[in-house]
Amino acid sequence: MDEFVLIFRHMDGKEVASPEQIQQWMQMTMDWIGSIAAQNKFVAGVGLPFDDAKVVHSNQMVTNGAFGDIKETIGGYIIVRAESVDEAVEFAKGSPVLLGEGNTVEVRKVAHK
């Protein structure tokens, strides 16, 4: 069994969710992760807050924020165990992140030495 990282990409937008919407989304996310953990296939995961973020560029310039010149940000990731990339994709399809318009979940195999 291999490990795969599911990377949550959020489209940058001006719309801010209400505290109630955030709470509902967090509960959905915890339920989704719980369903993966119940199959003994959840390895780890973290959220990546947008505050206190910096971007270091190849010319050594440092800019504020996680946004930069792209239209999306990485909001976090989880690592799952799966028999194949297809199984990991099936986990990704259930992510509440995908409820946001334009949001994506990138699935990548974790390389181990």
PDB file of N, CA and C in Angstrom:
ATOM      1  N   MET A   1       0.851  -1.174   0.000  1.00  0.00           N
ATOM      2  CA  MET A   1       0.000   0.000   0.000  1.00  0.00           C
ATOM      3  C   MET A   1       0.898   1.239   0.000  1.00  0.00           C
ATOM      4  N   ASP A   2       0.535   2.218  -0.801  1.00  0.00           N
ATOM      5  CA  ASP A   2       1.314   3.447  -0.920  1.00  0.00           C
ATOM      6  C   ASP A   2       0.644   4.577  -0.158  1.00  0.00           C
ATOM      7  N   GLU A   3       1.380   5.679   0.004  1.00  0.00           N
ATOM      8  CA  GLU A   3       0.820   6.877   0.603  1.00  0.00           C
ATOM      9  C   GLU A   3       0.651   7.939  -0.478  1.00  0.00           C
ATOM     10  N   PHE A   4      -0.426   8.695  -0.365  1.00  0.00           N
ATOM     11  CA  PHE A   4      -0.730   9.769  -1.306  1.00  0.00           C
ATOM     12  C   PHE A   4      -1.080  11.020  -0.517  1.00  0.00           C
ATOM     13  N   VAL A   5      -0.639  12.156  -1.020  1.00  0.00           N
ATOM     14  CA  VAL A   5      -1.009  13.428  -0.403  1.00  0.00           C
ATOM     15  C   VAL A   5      -2.148  14.042  -1.208  1.00  0.00           C
ATOM     16  N   LEU A   6      -3.168  14.508  -0.509  1.00  0.00           N
ATOM     17  CA  LEU A   6      -4.297  15.195  -1.120  1.00  0.00           C
ATOM     18  C   LEU A   6      -4.140  16.664  -0.750  1.00  0.00           C
ATOM     19  N   ILE A   7      -3.835  17.493  -1.730  1.00  0.00           N
ATOM     20  CA  ILE A   7      -3.530  18.908  -1.523  1.00  0.00           C
ATOM     21  C   ILE A   7      -4.768  19.728  -1.863  1.00  0.00           C
ATOM     22  N   PHE A   8      -5.213  20.531  -0.908  1.00  0.00           N
ATOM     23  CA  PHE A   8      -6.437  21.302  -1.075  1.00  0.00           C
ATOM     24  C   PHE A   8      -6.116  22.686  -1.619  1.00  0.00           C
ATOM     25  N   ARG A   9      -6.614  22.972  -2.813  1.00  0.00           N
ATOM     26  CA  ARG A   9      -6.389  24.268  -3.456  1.00  0.00           C
ATOM     27  C   ARG A   9      -7.705  25.041  -3.469  1.00  0.00           C
ATOM     28  N   HIS A  10      -7.649  26.250  -2.916  1.00  0.00           N
ATOM     29  CA  HIS A  10      -8.814  27.120  -2.830  1.00  0.00           C
ATOM     30  C   HIS A  10      -8.640  28.284  -3.798  1.00  0.00           C
ATOM     31  N   MET A  11      -9.694  28.573  -4.532  1.00  0.00           N
ATOM     32  CA  MET A  11      -9.667  29.746  -5.401  1.00  0.00           C
ATOM     33  C   MET A  11      -9.700  30.988  -4.524  1.00  0.00           C
ATOM     34  N   ASP A  12      -8.804  31.941  -4.817  1.00  0.00           N
ATOM     35  CA  ASP A  12      -8.808  33.193  -4.068  1.00  0.00           C
ATOM     36  C   ASP A  12     -10.015  34.013  -4.489  1.00  0.00           C
ATOM     37  N   GLY A  13     -10.728  34.481  -3.524  1.00  0.00           N
ATOM     38  CA  GLY A  13     -11.909  35.285  -3.821  1.00  0.00           C
ATOM     39  C   GLY A  13     -12.129  36.310  -2.733  1.00  0.00           C
ATOM     40  N   LYS A  14     -12.988  37.221  -3.000  1.00  0.00           N
ATOM     41  CA  LYS A  14     -13.277  38.297  -2.054  1.00  0.00           C
ATOM     42  C   LYS A  14     -14.343  37.888  -1.041  1.00  0.00           C
ATOM     43  N   GLU A  15     -15.118  36.848  -1.353  1.00  0.00           N
ATOM     44  CA  GLU A  15     -16.207  36.437  -0.474  1.00  0.00           C
ATOM     45  C   GLU A  15     -15.656  35.774   0.781  1.00  0.00           C
ATOM     46  N   VAL A  16     -16.106  36.256   1.930  1.00  0.00           N
ATOM     47  CA  VAL A  16     -15.668  35.706   3.210  1.00  0.00           C
ATOM     48  C   VAL A  16     -16.817  34.915   3.811  1.00  0.00           C
ATOM     49  N   ALA A  17     -16.525  33.716   4.251  1.00  0.00           N
ATOM     50  CA  ALA A  17     -17.549  32.863   4.849  1.00  0.00           C
ATOM     51  C   ALA A  17     -17.896  33.363   6.247  1.00  0.00           C
ATOM     52  N   SER A  18     -19.128  33.142   6.630  1.00  0.00           N
ATOM     53  CA  SER A  18     -19.564  33.507   7.984  1.00  0.00           C
ATOM     54  C   SER A  18     -18.989  32.485   8.973  1.00  0.00           C
ATOM     55  N   PRO A  19     -18.940  32.845  10.261  1.00  0.00           N
ATOM     56  CA  PRO A  19     -18.472  31.877  11.264  1.00  0.00           C
ATOM     57  C   PRO A  19     -19.292  30.577  11.245  1.00  0.00           C
ATOM     58  N   GLU A  20     -20.601  30.697  10.974  1.00  0.00           N
ATOM     59  CA  GLU A  20     -21.450  29.508  10.916  1.00  0.00           C
ATOM     60  C   GLU A  20     -21.083  28.628   9.724  1.00  0.00           C
ATOM     61  N   GLN A  21     -20.813  29.262   8.570  1.00  0.00           N
ATOM     62  CA  GLN A  21     -20.407  28.506   7.387  1.00  0.00           C
ATOM     63  C   GLN A  21     -19.071  27.812   7.616  1.00  0.00           C
ATOM     64  N   ILE A  22     -18.158  28.511   8.256  1.00  0.00           N
ATOM     65  CA  ILE A  22     -16.844  27.915   8.545  1.00  0.00           C
ATOM     66  C   ILE A  22     -17.007  26.723   9.481  1.00  0.00           C
ATOM     67  N   GLN A  23     -17.834  26.867  10.503  1.00  0.00           N
ATOM     68  CA  GLN A  23     -18.075  25.774  11.450  1.00  0.00           C
ATOM     69  C   GLN A  23     -18.688  24.568  10.742  1.00  0.00           C
ATOM     70  N   GLN A  24     -19.655  24.816   9.861  1.00  0.00           N
ATOM     71  CA  GLN A  24     -20.295  23.733   9.111  1.00  0.00           C
ATOM     72  C   GLN A  24     -19.284  23.033   8.219  1.00  0.00           C
ATOM     73  N   TRP A  25     -18.454  23.803   7.524  1.00  0.00           N
ATOM     74  CA  TRP A  25     -17.430  23.235   6.645  1.00  0.00           C
ATOM     75  C   TRP A  25     -16.425  22.411   7.454  1.00  0.00           C
ATOM     76  N   MET A  26     -16.025  22.921   8.620  1.00  0.00           N
ATOM     77  CA  MET A  26     -15.069  22.177   9.462  1.00  0.00           C
ATOM     78  C   MET A  26     -15.664  20.848   9.915  1.00  0.00           C
ATOM     79  N   GLN A  27     -16.957  20.837  10.282  1.00  0.00           N
ATOM     80  CA  GLN A  27     -17.592  19.587  10.705  1.00  0.00           C
ATOM     81  C   GLN A  27     -17.655  18.595   9.551  1.00  0.00           C
ATOM     82  N   MET A  28     -17.982  19.080   8.366  1.00  0.00           N
ATOM     83  CA  MET A  28     -18.016  18.211   7.189  1.00  0.00           C
ATOM     84  C   MET A  28     -16.628  17.634   6.914  1.00  0.00           C
ATOM     85  N   THR A  29     -15.616  18.462   7.068  1.00  0.00           N
ATOM     86  CA  THR A  29     -14.245  18.017   6.827  1.00  0.00           C
ATOM     87  C   THR A  29     -13.834  16.966   7.850  1.00  0.00           C
ATOM     88  N   MET A  30     -14.155  17.194   9.114  1.00  0.00           N
ATOM     89  CA  MET A  30     -13.806  16.222  10.153  1.00  0.00           C
ATOM     90  C   MET A  30     -14.551  14.901   9.933  1.00  0.00           C
ATOM     91  N   ASP A  31     -15.808  14.969   9.502  1.00  0.00           N
ATOM     92  CA  ASP A  31     -16.568  13.749   9.202  1.00  0.00           C
ATOM     93  C   ASP A  31     -15.938  12.996   8.032  1.00  0.00           C
ATOM     94  N   TRP A  32     -15.528  13.739   7.000  1.00  0.00           N
ATOM     95  CA  TRP A  32     -14.886  13.126   5.824  1.00  0.00           C
ATOM     96  C   TRP A  32     -13.576  12.445   6.221  1.00  0.00           C
ATOM     97  N   ILE A  33     -12.744  13.160   6.982  1.00  0.00           N
ATOM     98  CA  ILE A  33     -11.478  12.565   7.441  1.00  0.00           C
ATOM     99  C   ILE A  33     -11.753  11.362   8.339  1.00  0.00           C
ATOM    100  N   GLY A  34     -12.774  11.472   9.189  1.00  0.00           N
ATOM    101  CA  GLY A  34     -13.150  10.353  10.054  1.00  0.00           C
ATOM    102  C   GLY A  34     -13.527   9.117   9.268  1.00  0.00           C
ATOM    103  N   SER A  35     -14.182   9.299   8.124  1.00  0.00           N
ATOM    104  CA  SER A  35     -14.562   8.145   7.303  1.00  0.00           C
ATOM    105  C   SER A  35     -13.334   7.467   6.700  1.00  0.00           C
ATOM    106  N   ILE A  36     -12.322   8.246   6.385  1.00  0.00           N
ATOM    107  CA  ILE A  36     -11.065   7.670   5.877  1.00  0.00           C
ATOM    108  C   ILE A  36     -10.328   6.967   7.021  1.00  0.00           C
ATOM    109  N   ALA A  37     -10.291   7.612   8.186  1.00  0.00           N
ATOM    110  CA  ALA A  37      -9.627   7.019   9.355  1.00  0.00           C
ATOM    111  C   ALA A  37     -10.299   5.715   9.768  1.00  0.00           C
ATOM    112  N   ALA A  38     -11.619   5.623   9.626  1.00  0.00           N
ATOM    113  CA  ALA A  38     -12.349   4.403   9.987  1.00  0.00           C
ATOM    114  C   ALA A  38     -11.913   3.214   9.134  1.00  0.00           C
ATOM    115  N   GLN A  39     -11.353   3.503   7.956  1.00  0.00           N
ATOM    116  CA  GLN A  39     -10.836   2.452   7.073  1.00  0.00           C
ATOM    117  C   GLN A  39      -9.348   2.192   7.339  1.00  0.00           C
ATOM    118  N   ASN A  40      -8.797   2.860   8.372  1.00  0.00           N
ATOM    119  CA  ASN A  40      -7.379   2.770   8.720  1.00  0.00           C
ATOM    120  C   ASN A  40      -6.492   3.228   7.554  1.00  0.00           C
ATOM    121  N   LYS A  41      -6.935   4.281   6.846  1.00  0.00           N
ATOM    122  CA  LYS A  41      -6.180   4.764   5.701  1.00  0.00           C
ATOM    123  C   LYS A  41      -5.764   6.227   5.841  1.00  0.00           C
ATOM    124  N   PHE A  42      -6.088   6.854   6.968  1.00  0.00           N
ATOM    125  CA  PHE A  42      -5.653   8.224   7.222  1.00  0.00           C
ATOM    126  C   PHE A  42      -4.281   8.181   7.878  1.00  0.00           C
ATOM    127  N   VAL A  43      -3.331   8.958   7.348  1.00  0.00           N
ATOM    128  CA  VAL A  43      -1.971   8.989   7.910  1.00  0.00           C
ATOM    129  C   VAL A  43      -1.760  10.260   8.718  1.00  0.00           C
ATOM    130  N   ALA A  44      -1.997  11.424   8.113  1.00  0.00           N
ATOM    131  CA  ALA A  44      -1.748  12.703   8.775  1.00  0.00           C
ATOM    132  C   ALA A  44      -2.374  13.805   7.952  1.00  0.00           C
ATOM    133  N   GLY A  45      -2.403  14.995   8.519  1.00  0.00           N
ATOM    134  CA  GLY A  45      -2.897  16.136   7.765  1.00  0.00           C
ATOM    135  C   GLY A  45      -2.775  17.415   8.560  1.00  0.00           C
ATOM    136  N   VAL A  46      -2.728  18.533   7.840  1.00  0.00           N
ATOM    137  CA  VAL A  46      -2.653  19.843   8.480  1.00  0.00           C
ATOM    138  C   VAL A  46      -3.389  20.869   7.628  1.00  0.00           C
ATOM    139  N   GLY A  47      -3.909  21.871   8.302  1.00  0.00           N
ATOM    140  CA  GLY A  47      -4.426  23.050   7.626  1.00  0.00           C
ATOM    141  C   GLY A  47      -3.304  24.067   7.555  1.00  0.00           C
ATOM    142  N   LEU A  48      -3.340  24.916   6.555  1.00  0.00           N
ATOM    143  CA  LEU A  48      -2.317  25.945   6.383  1.00  0.00           C
ATOM    144  C   LEU A  48      -2.987  27.313   6.406  1.00  0.00           C
ATOM    145  N   PRO A  49      -2.971  27.993   7.574  1.00  0.00           N
ATOM    146  CA  PRO A  49      -3.601  29.308   7.652  1.00  0.00           C
ATOM    147  C   PRO A  49      -2.920  30.307   6.712  1.00  0.00           C
ATOM    148  N   PHE A  50      -3.677  31.308   6.311  1.00  0.00           N
ATOM    149  CA  PHE A  50      -3.162  32.281   5.360  1.00  0.00           C
ATOM    150  C   PHE A  50      -2.399  33.424   6.029  1.00  0.00           C
ATOM    151  N   ASP A  51      -2.591  33.609   7.329  1.00  0.00           N
ATOM    152  CA  ASP A  51      -1.878  34.694   7.994  1.00  0.00           C
ATOM    153  C   ASP A  51      -0.437  34.283   8.295  1.00  0.00           C
ATOM    154  N   ASP A  52       0.410  35.254   8.501  1.00  0.00           N
ATOM    155  CA  ASP A  52       1.840  35.033   8.771  1.00  0.00           C
ATOM    156  C   ASP A  52       2.521  34.222   7.678  1.00  0.00           C
ATOM    157  N   ALA A  53       2.094  34.394   6.443  1.00  0.00           N
ATOM    158  CA  ALA A  53       2.702  33.674   5.315  1.00  0.00           C
ATOM    159  C   ALA A  53       3.623  34.610   4.544  1.00  0.00           C
ATOM    160  N   LYS A  54       4.700  34.075   4.047  1.00  0.00           N
ATOM    161  CA  LYS A  54       5.651  34.803   3.204  1.00  0.00           C
ATOM    162  C   LYS A  54       5.989  33.921   2.014  1.00  0.00           C
ATOM    163  N   VAL A  55       6.364  34.545   0.915  1.00  0.00           N
ATOM    164  CA  VAL A  55       6.826  33.821  -0.261  1.00  0.00           C
ATOM    165  C   VAL A  55       8.237  34.296  -0.566  1.00  0.00           C
ATOM    166  N   VAL A  56       9.185  33.367  -0.636  1.00  0.00           N
ATOM    167  CA  VAL A  56      10.564  33.688  -0.983  1.00  0.00           C
ATOM    168  C   VAL A  56      10.759  33.344  -2.451  1.00  0.00           C
ATOM    169  N   HIS A  57      11.180  34.319  -3.243  1.00  0.00           N
ATOM    170  CA  HIS A  57      11.351  34.157  -4.685  1.00  0.00           C
ATOM    171  C   HIS A  57      12.799  33.808  -5.018  1.00  0.00           C
ATOM    172  N   SER A  58      13.015  33.319  -6.217  1.00  0.00           N
ATOM    173  CA  SER A  58      14.358  32.887  -6.631  1.00  0.00           C
ATOM    174  C   SER A  58      15.375  34.034  -6.605  1.00  0.00           C
ATOM    175  N   ASN A  59      14.915  35.277  -6.735  1.00  0.00           N
ATOM    176  CA  ASN A  59      15.827  36.433  -6.682  1.00  0.00           C
ATOM    177  C   ASN A  59      16.016  36.933  -5.255  1.00  0.00           C
ATOM    178  N   GLN A  60      15.576  36.151  -4.270  1.00  0.00           N
ATOM    179  CA  GLN A  60      15.675  36.436  -2.838  1.00  0.00           C
ATOM    180  C   GLN A  60      14.686  37.499  -2.354  1.00  0.00           C
ATOM    181  N   MET A  61      13.820  37.983  -3.226  1.00  0.00           N
ATOM    182  CA  MET A  61      12.783  38.919  -2.812  1.00  0.00           C
ATOM    183  C   MET A  61      11.765  38.149  -1.965  1.00  0.00           C
ATOM    184  N   VAL A  62      11.255  38.803  -0.928  1.00  0.00           N
ATOM    185  CA  VAL A  62      10.260  38.199  -0.047  1.00  0.00           C
ATOM    186  C   VAL A  62       9.000  39.044  -0.120  1.00  0.00           C
ATOM    187  N   THR A  63       7.862  38.378  -0.372  1.00  0.00           N
ATOM    188  CA  THR A  63       6.588  39.079  -0.409  1.00  0.00           C
ATOM    189  C   THR A  63       5.682  38.548   0.688  1.00  0.00           C
ATOM    190  N   ASN A  64       4.737  39.375   1.095  1.00  0.00           N
ATOM    191  CA  ASN A  64       3.792  39.003   2.147  1.00  0.00           C
ATOM    192  C   ASN A  64       2.664  38.160   1.593  1.00  0.00           C
ATOM    193  N   GLY A  65       2.173  37.248   2.408  1.00  0.00           N
ATOM    194  CA  GLY A  65       0.980  36.490   2.071  1.00  0.00           C
ATOM    195  C   GLY A  65       1.260  35.219   1.307  1.00  0.00           C
ATOM    196  N   ALA A  66       0.238  34.384   1.297  1.00  0.00           N
ATOM    197  CA  ALA A  66       0.329  33.095   0.611  1.00  0.00           C
ATOM    198  C   ALA A  66      -0.178  33.185  -0.816  1.00  0.00           C
ATOM    199  N   PHE A  67      -0.609  34.365  -1.229  1.00  0.00           N
ATOM    200  CA  PHE A  67      -1.321  34.481  -2.492  1.00  0.00           C
ATOM    201  C   PHE A  67      -0.411  34.668  -3.692  1.00  0.00           C
ATOM    202  N   GLY A  68       0.537  35.566  -3.629  1.00  0.00           N
ATOM    203  CA  GLY A  68       1.450  35.764  -4.749  1.00  0.00           C
ATOM    204  C   GLY A  68       0.714  36.148  -6.016  1.00  0.00           C
ATOM    205  N   ASP A  69       1.178  35.637  -7.141  1.00  0.00           N
ATOM    206  CA  ASP A  69       0.605  35.979  -8.441  1.00  0.00           C
ATOM    207  C   ASP A  69      -0.379  34.934  -8.945  1.00  0.00           C
ATOM    208  N   ILE A  70      -0.715  33.953  -8.119  1.00  0.00           N
ATOM    209  CA  ILE A  70      -1.617  32.904  -8.582  1.00  0.00           C
ATOM    210  C   ILE A  70      -3.034  33.191  -8.128  1.00  0.00           C
ATOM    211  N   LYS A  71      -3.978  32.499  -8.692  1.00  0.00           N
ATOM    212  CA  LYS A  71      -5.389  32.722  -8.386  1.00  0.00           C
ATOM    213  C   LYS A  71      -5.925  31.729  -7.358  1.00  0.00           C
ATOM    214  N   GLU A  72      -5.035  30.936  -6.776  1.00  0.00           N
ATOM    215  CA  GLU A  72      -5.475  29.963  -5.784  1.00  0.00           C
ATOM    216  C   GLU A  72      -4.421  29.848  -4.695  1.00  0.00           C
ATOM    217  N   THR A  73      -4.823  29.341  -3.558  1.00  0.00           N
ATOM    218  CA  THR A  73      -3.900  29.106  -2.454  1.00  0.00           C
ATOM    219  C   THR A  73      -4.046  27.664  -1.989  1.00  0.00           C
ATOM    220  N   ILE A  74      -3.006  27.169  -1.363  1.00  0.00           N
ATOM    221  CA  ILE A  74      -3.047  25.841  -0.770  1.00  0.00           C
ATOM    222  C   ILE A  74      -3.550  26.005   0.656  1.00  0.00           C
ATOM    223  N   GLY A  75      -4.686  25.381   0.936  1.00  0.00           N
ATOM    224  CA  GLY A  75      -5.307  25.523   2.242  1.00  0.00           C
ATOM    225  C   GLY A  75      -4.907  24.448   3.235  1.00  0.00           C
ATOM    226  N   GLY A  76      -4.279  23.378   2.762  1.00  0.00           N
ATOM    227  CA  GLY A  76      -3.858  22.298   3.633  1.00  0.00           C
ATOM    228  C   GLY A  76      -3.725  21.013   2.853  1.00  0.00           C
ATOM    229  N   TYR A  77      -3.485  19.939   3.576  1.00  0.00           N
ATOM    230  CA  TYR A  77      -3.351  18.635   2.925  1.00  0.00           C
ATOM    231  C   TYR A  77      -3.580  17.532   3.933  1.00  0.00           C
ATOM    232  N   ILE A  78      -3.892  16.360   3.422  1.00  0.00           N
ATOM    233  CA  ILE A  78      -3.877  15.151   4.242  1.00  0.00           C
ATOM    234  C   ILE A  78      -3.089  14.092   3.483  1.00  0.00           C
ATOM    235  N   ILE A  79      -2.602  13.127   4.221  1.00  0.00           N
ATOM    236  CA  ILE A  79      -1.909  11.981   3.628  1.00  0.00           C
ATOM    237  C   ILE A  79      -2.750  10.746   3.936  1.00  0.00           C
ATOM    238  N   VAL A  80      -2.992   9.958   2.885  1.00  0.00           N
ATOM    239  CA  VAL A  80      -3.794   8.744   3.030  1.00  0.00           C
ATOM    240  C   VAL A  80      -3.006   7.540   2.513  1.00  0.00           C
ATOM    241  N   ARG A  81      -3.384   6.361   3.000  1.00  0.00           N
ATOM    242  CA  ARG A  81      -2.869   5.110   2.456  1.00  0.00           C
ATOM    243  C   ARG A  81      -3.876   4.612   1.435  1.00  0.00           C
ATOM    244  N   ALA A  82      -3.390   4.148   0.302  1.00  0.00           N
ATOM    245  CA  ALA A  82      -4.302   3.632  -0.723  1.00  0.00           C
ATOM    246  C   ALA A  82      -3.586   2.573  -1.547  1.00  0.00           C
ATOM    247  N   GLU A  83      -4.376   1.666  -2.108  1.00  0.00           N
ATOM    248  CA  GLU A  83      -3.826   0.610  -2.963  1.00  0.00           C
ATOM    249  C   GLU A  83      -3.354   1.164  -4.302  1.00  0.00           C
ATOM    250  N   SER A  84      -3.940   2.306  -4.725  1.00  0.00           N
ATOM    251  CA  SER A  84      -3.606   2.882  -6.034  1.00  0.00           C
ATOM    252  C   SER A  84      -3.955   4.362  -6.031  1.00  0.00           C
ATOM    253  N   VAL A  85      -3.466   5.060  -7.044  1.00  0.00           N
ATOM    254  CA  VAL A  85      -3.838   6.468  -7.192  1.00  0.00           C
ATOM    255  C   VAL A  85      -5.348   6.596  -7.403  1.00  0.00           C
ATOM    256  N   ASP A  86      -5.954   5.623  -8.046  1.00  0.00           N
ATOM    257  CA  ASP A  86      -7.396   5.664  -8.264  1.00  0.00           C
ATOM    258  C   ASP A  86      -8.172   5.629  -6.949  1.00  0.00           C
ATOM    259  N   GLU A  87      -7.715   4.819  -6.004  1.00  0.00           N
ATOM    260  CA  GLU A  87      -8.375   4.793  -4.703  1.00  0.00           C
ATOM    261  C   GLU A  87      -8.180   6.125  -3.994  1.00  0.00           C
ATOM    262  N   ALA A  88      -6.992   6.705  -4.075  1.00  0.00           N
ATOM    263  CA  ALA A  88      -6.743   8.015  -3.468  1.00  0.00           C
ATOM    264  C   ALA A  88      -7.627   9.085  -4.107  1.00  0.00           C
ATOM    265  N   VAL A  89      -7.827   9.005  -5.415  1.00  0.00           N
ATOM    266  CA  VAL A  89      -8.720   9.940  -6.116  1.00  0.00           C
ATOM    267  C   VAL A  89     -10.148   9.802  -5.595  1.00  0.00           C
ATOM    268  N   GLU A  90     -10.583   8.596  -5.314  1.00  0.00           N
ATOM    269  CA  GLU A  90     -11.931   8.391  -4.773  1.00  0.00           C
ATOM    270  C   GLU A  90     -12.064   9.074  -3.418  1.00  0.00           C
ATOM    271  N   PHE A  91     -11.015   9.011  -2.577  1.00  0.00           N
ATOM    272  CA  PHE A  91     -11.041   9.748  -1.316  1.00  0.00           C
ATOM    273  C   PHE A  91     -11.171  11.237  -1.607  1.00  0.00           C
ATOM    274  N   ALA A  92     -10.372  11.741  -2.542  1.00  0.00           N
ATOM    275  CA  ALA A  92     -10.364  13.171  -2.877  1.00  0.00           C
ATOM    276  C   ALA A  92     -11.738  13.646  -3.342  1.00  0.00           C
ATOM    277  N   LYS A  93     -12.438  12.817  -4.087  1.00  0.00           N
ATOM    278  CA  LYS A  93     -13.759  13.201  -4.604  1.00  0.00           C
ATOM    279  C   LYS A  93     -14.749  13.503  -3.489  1.00  0.00           C
ATOM    280  N   GLY A  94     -14.526  12.949  -2.301  1.00  0.00           N
ATOM    281  CA  GLY A  94     -15.428  13.195  -1.174  1.00  0.00           C
ATOM    282  C   GLY A  94     -15.078  14.420  -0.349  1.00  0.00           C
ATOM    283  N   SER A  95     -14.014  15.130  -0.705  1.00  0.00           N
ATOM    284  CA  SER A  95     -13.571  16.264   0.094  1.00  0.00           C
ATOM    285  C   SER A  95     -14.552  17.433   0.044  1.00  0.00           C
ATOM    286  N   PRO A  96     -14.913  17.978   1.205  1.00  0.00           N
ATOM    287  CA  PRO A  96     -15.762  19.163   1.233  1.00  0.00           C
ATOM    288  C   PRO A  96     -15.118  20.386   0.560  1.00  0.00           C
ATOM    289  N   VAL A  97     -13.825  20.375   0.380  1.00  0.00           N
ATOM    290  CA  VAL A  97     -13.159  21.469  -0.338  1.00  0.00           C
ATOM    291  C   VAL A  97     -13.792  21.655  -1.710  1.00  0.00           C
ATOM    292  N   LEU A  98     -14.223  20.562  -2.314  1.00  0.00           N
ATOM    293  CA  LEU A  98     -14.768  20.623  -3.666  1.00  0.00           C
ATOM    294  C   LEU A  98     -16.148  21.293  -3.729  1.00  0.00           C
ATOM    295  N   LEU A  99     -16.721  21.616  -2.583  1.00  0.00           N
ATOM    296  CA  LEU A  99     -17.990  22.343  -2.568  1.00  0.00           C
ATOM    297  C   LEU A  99     -17.796  23.800  -2.978  1.00  0.00           C
ATOM    298  N   GLY A 100     -16.564  24.309  -2.848  1.00  0.00           N
ATOM    299  CA  GLY A 100     -16.271  25.675  -3.256  1.00  0.00           C
ATOM    300  C   GLY A 100     -16.031  25.750  -4.754  1.00  0.00           C
ATOM    301  N   GLU A 101     -16.662  26.703  -5.406  1.00  0.00           N
ATOM    302  CA  GLU A 101     -16.543  26.837  -6.854  1.00  0.00           C
ATOM    303  C   GLU A 101     -15.087  27.052  -7.264  1.00  0.00           C
ATOM    304  N   GLY A 102     -14.618  26.204  -8.162  1.00  0.00           N
ATOM    305  CA  GLY A 102     -13.260  26.322  -8.673  1.00  0.00           C
ATOM    306  C   GLY A 102     -12.191  25.671  -7.815  1.00  0.00           C
ATOM    307  N   ASN A 103     -12.545  25.206  -6.608  1.00  0.00           N
ATOM    308  CA  ASN A 103     -11.568  24.558  -5.744  1.00  0.00           C
ATOM    309  C   ASN A 103     -11.176  23.201  -6.319  1.00  0.00           C
ATOM    310  N   THR A 104      -9.970  22.745  -5.983  1.00  0.00           N
ATOM    311  CA  THR A 104      -9.492  21.457  -6.468  1.00  0.00           C
ATOM    312  C   THR A 104      -8.781  20.704  -5.354  1.00  0.00           C
ATOM    313  N   VAL A 105      -8.645  19.401  -5.556  1.00  0.00           N
ATOM    314  CA  VAL A 105      -7.820  18.557  -4.691  1.00  0.00           C
ATOM    315  C   VAL A 105      -6.824  17.859  -5.595  1.00  0.00           C
ATOM    316  N   GLU A 106      -5.552  18.152  -5.392  1.00  0.00           N
ATOM    317  CA  GLU A 106      -4.486  17.510  -6.162  1.00  0.00           C
ATOM    318  C   GLU A 106      -4.068  16.239  -5.439  1.00  0.00           C
ATOM    319  N   VAL A 107      -3.902  15.146  -6.177  1.00  0.00           N
ATOM    320  CA  VAL A 107      -3.520  13.863  -5.588  1.00  0.00           C
ATOM    321  C   VAL A 107      -2.132  13.515  -6.109  1.00  0.00           C
ATOM    322  N   ARG A 108      -1.181  13.318  -5.178  1.00  0.00           N
ATOM    323  CA  ARG A 108       0.202  12.996  -5.568  1.00  0.00           C
ATOM    324  C   ARG A 108       0.715  11.850  -4.709  1.00  0.00           C
ATOM    325  N   LYS A 109       1.410  10.916  -5.324  1.00  0.00           N
ATOM    326  CA  LYS A 109       2.037   9.821  -4.573  1.00  0.00           C
ATOM    327  C   LYS A 109       3.205  10.373  -3.786  1.00  0.00           C
ATOM    328  N   VAL A 110       3.344   9.902  -2.548  1.00  0.00           N
ATOM    329  CA  VAL A 110       4.449  10.318  -1.693  1.00  0.00           C
ATOM    330  C   VAL A 110       5.649   9.435  -2.002  1.00  0.00           C
ATOM    331  N   ALA A 111       6.773  10.068  -2.295  1.00  0.00           N
ATOM    332  CA  ALA A 111       8.003   9.330  -2.595  1.00  0.00           C
ATOM    333  C   ALA A 111       8.740   9.054  -1.294  1.00  0.00           C
ATOM    334  N   HIS A 112       9.037   7.812  -1.040  1.00  0.00           N
ATOM    335  CA  HIS A 112       9.810   7.418   0.148  1.00  0.00           C
ATOM    336  C   HIS A 112      11.153   6.901  -0.337  1.00  0.00           C
ATOM    337  N   LYS A 113      12.156   7.093   0.501  1.00  0.00           N
ATOM    338  CA  LYS A 113      13.507   6.603   0.133  1.00  0.00           C
ATOM    339  C   LYS A 113      13.548   5.108   0.175  1.00  0.00           C
TER     340      LYS A 113
END
